[in-house]
Amino acid sequence: MEQKDYILREISKIGQIINAIRQLLFGGSDLLAITLESQIEEAKGMLLSEMNFDLDKFLELEKEESEKYLHSHKGFNVENIEALADCLAQIGFNGRFDNSQIYLEKSLQLYELCDDQSKTFSVEREQAKNCLRGKVSNT
């Protein structure tokens, strides 16, 4: 019972951290003076300090290694993986820097992982994947 409570707390914690990062990156307009790149660096720091999740390392991993890395962090359920995919897609679409393509490709991988792990079909996820495929194939 205690282990189940621990896992549920970890799932909730990861969801809250990803939501906080999304709010930091794409939330209100009060952060206009801060560049997207510095916000991304702050988000990476949050992931590393709060969850020991190294986003730079994760972005470099191949598909199978990425899945193993995610599963090595307790709390990455389908909902949290999809939230991370949303965040990476937003960075890729809003980023006007050299490696924004990497964010888009990794986001697409994560959405596909969600499809593999989820028992339900998601129209929103399918739309996001189609949008990403179009963007990834155009570059």
Protein backbone atom coordinates (compact mmCIF):
# COMPACT_ATOMS: atom_id res chain seq x y z
CA MET A 1 0.00 0.00 0.00
CA GLU A 2 2.81 2.42 0.86
CA GLN A 3 4.54 1.72 -2.46
CA LYS A 4 1.32 2.47 -4.35
CA ASP A 5 0.98 5.78 -2.48
CA TYR A 6 4.61 6.60 -3.29
CA ILE A 7 4.09 5.93 -7.00
CA LEU A 8 0.91 8.02 -7.06
CA ARG A 9 2.78 10.88 -5.36
CA GLU A 10 5.60 10.60 -7.93
CA ILE A 11 3.11 10.67 -10.81
CA SER A 12 1.47 13.75 -9.34
CA LYS A 13 4.84 15.40 -8.69
CA ILE A 14 6.03 14.90 -12.28
CA GLY A 15 2.75 16.26 -13.62
CA GLN A 16 3.06 19.35 -11.43
CA ILE A 17 6.67 19.95 -12.46
CA ILE A 18 5.88 19.66 -16.17
CA ASN A 19 2.90 21.99 -15.77
CA ALA A 20 5.09 24.50 -13.93
CA ILE A 21 7.63 24.34 -16.74
CA ARG A 22 4.94 24.86 -19.37
CA GLN A 23 3.63 27.84 -17.41
CA LEU A 24 7.16 29.22 -17.15
CA LEU A 25 7.81 28.83 -20.87
CA PHE A 26 4.46 29.71 -22.36
CA GLY A 27 2.41 31.21 -19.55
CA GLY A 28 1.71 34.85 -18.94
CA SER A 29 3.15 37.83 -20.71
CA ASP A 30 4.98 39.11 -17.64
CA LEU A 31 8.18 37.35 -18.74
CA LEU A 32 8.55 39.03 -22.11
CA ALA A 33 11.98 40.41 -21.28
CA ILE A 34 13.36 36.92 -20.70
CA THR A 35 14.40 35.09 -23.84
CA LEU A 36 13.01 31.68 -24.71
CA GLU A 37 16.49 30.21 -24.52
CA SER A 38 16.98 31.34 -20.92
CA GLN A 39 13.53 30.03 -20.00
CA ILE A 40 14.41 26.67 -21.54
CA GLU A 41 17.64 26.58 -19.53
CA GLU A 42 15.67 27.32 -16.36
CA ALA A 43 13.19 24.55 -17.22
CA LYS A 44 16.06 22.12 -17.77
CA GLY A 45 17.42 23.07 -14.37
CA MET A 46 14.02 22.44 -12.77
CA LEU A 47 13.77 19.00 -14.33
CA LEU A 48 17.29 18.13 -13.21
CA SER A 49 16.98 19.42 -9.65
CA GLU A 50 13.42 18.25 -8.94
CA MET A 51 13.38 14.92 -10.78
CA ASN A 52 16.99 14.16 -11.70
CA PHE A 53 15.80 14.23 -15.34
CA ASP A 54 18.50 15.47 -17.71
CA LEU A 55 16.65 16.93 -20.70
CA ASP A 56 19.82 17.46 -22.75
CA LYS A 57 20.75 13.81 -22.31
CA PHE A 58 17.18 12.73 -23.08
CA LEU A 59 17.10 14.73 -26.32
CA GLU A 60 20.23 12.92 -27.54
CA LEU A 61 18.90 9.40 -26.90
CA GLU A 62 17.52 7.12 -29.58
CA LYS A 63 13.89 5.98 -29.34
CA GLU A 64 14.47 2.78 -27.34
CA GLU A 65 16.95 4.46 -25.01
CA SER A 66 14.48 7.31 -24.50
CA GLU A 67 11.80 4.86 -23.39
CA LYS A 68 14.20 3.21 -20.95
CA TYR A 69 15.24 6.60 -19.59
CA LEU A 70 11.61 7.62 -19.05
CA HIS A 71 10.77 4.35 -17.34
CA SER A 72 13.77 4.73 -15.06
CA HIS A 73 11.98 7.75 -13.55
CA LYS A 74 8.97 6.69 -11.51
CA GLY A 75 5.86 8.67 -12.29
CA PHE A 76 6.03 8.95 -16.06
CA ASN A 77 2.59 7.66 -16.94
CA VAL A 78 0.92 8.30 -20.32
CA GLU A 79 -0.53 11.61 -19.14
CA ASN A 80 2.85 12.93 -17.98
CA ILE A 81 4.64 11.68 -21.09
CA GLU A 82 2.05 13.48 -23.21
CA ALA A 83 2.51 16.65 -21.15
CA LEU A 84 6.27 16.45 -21.74
CA ALA A 85 5.62 15.92 -25.46
CA ASP A 86 3.35 18.99 -25.50
CA CYS A 87 6.07 21.03 -23.81
CA LEU A 88 8.79 19.89 -26.20
CA ALA A 89 6.54 20.54 -29.20
CA GLN A 90 5.83 24.07 -28.00
CA ILE A 91 9.54 24.70 -27.56
CA GLY A 92 10.21 23.36 -31.05
CA PHE A 93 7.46 25.41 -32.68
CA ASN A 94 8.27 28.61 -30.80
CA GLY A 95 12.02 28.24 -30.91
CA ARG A 96 13.95 30.10 -33.51
CA PHE A 97 17.23 28.44 -32.77
CA ASP A 98 19.31 25.72 -34.38
CA ASN A 99 18.16 22.70 -32.39
CA SER A 100 14.40 23.32 -32.40
CA GLN A 101 14.09 20.41 -34.85
CA ILE A 102 15.39 18.04 -32.14
CA TYR A 103 12.57 19.12 -29.83
CA LEU A 104 9.98 18.45 -32.55
CA GLU A 105 11.38 15.01 -33.35
CA LYS A 106 11.53 14.00 -29.69
CA SER A 107 8.00 15.27 -29.15
CA LEU A 108 6.77 13.08 -32.01
CA GLN A 109 8.56 10.08 -30.46
CA LEU A 110 6.84 10.76 -27.14
CA TYR A 111 3.39 11.02 -28.72
CA GLU A 112 4.01 7.70 -30.47
CA LEU A 113 5.08 6.18 -27.14
CA CYS A 114 1.83 7.44 -25.62
CA ASP A 115 -0.10 5.70 -28.40
CA ASP A 116 1.78 2.46 -27.71
CA GLN A 117 1.11 2.62 -23.97
CA SER A 118 -2.41 4.05 -23.92
CA LYS A 119 -5.50 1.92 -24.19
CA THR A 120 -7.54 4.78 -25.66
CA PHE A 121 -7.32 6.72 -28.91
CA SER A 122 -6.73 10.45 -28.60
CA VAL A 123 -7.85 12.78 -31.39
CA GLU A 124 -5.76 15.62 -29.93
CA ARG A 125 -2.65 13.45 -29.84
CA GLU A 126 -3.23 12.33 -33.43
CA GLN A 127 -3.62 15.95 -34.55
CA ALA A 128 -0.42 16.90 -32.73
CA LYS A 129 1.43 14.01 -34.40
CA ASN A 130 0.19 15.02 -37.85
CA CYS A 131 1.24 18.62 -37.26
CA LEU A 132 4.67 17.49 -36.08
CA ARG A 133 5.11 15.11 -39.01
CA GLY A 134 4.41 17.97 -41.40
CA LYS A 135 6.90 20.22 -39.65
CA VAL A 136 9.59 17.53 -39.30
CA SER A 137 9.34 16.44 -42.95
CA ASN A 138 9.54 20.07 -44.20
CA THR A 139 12.97 20.67 -42.70
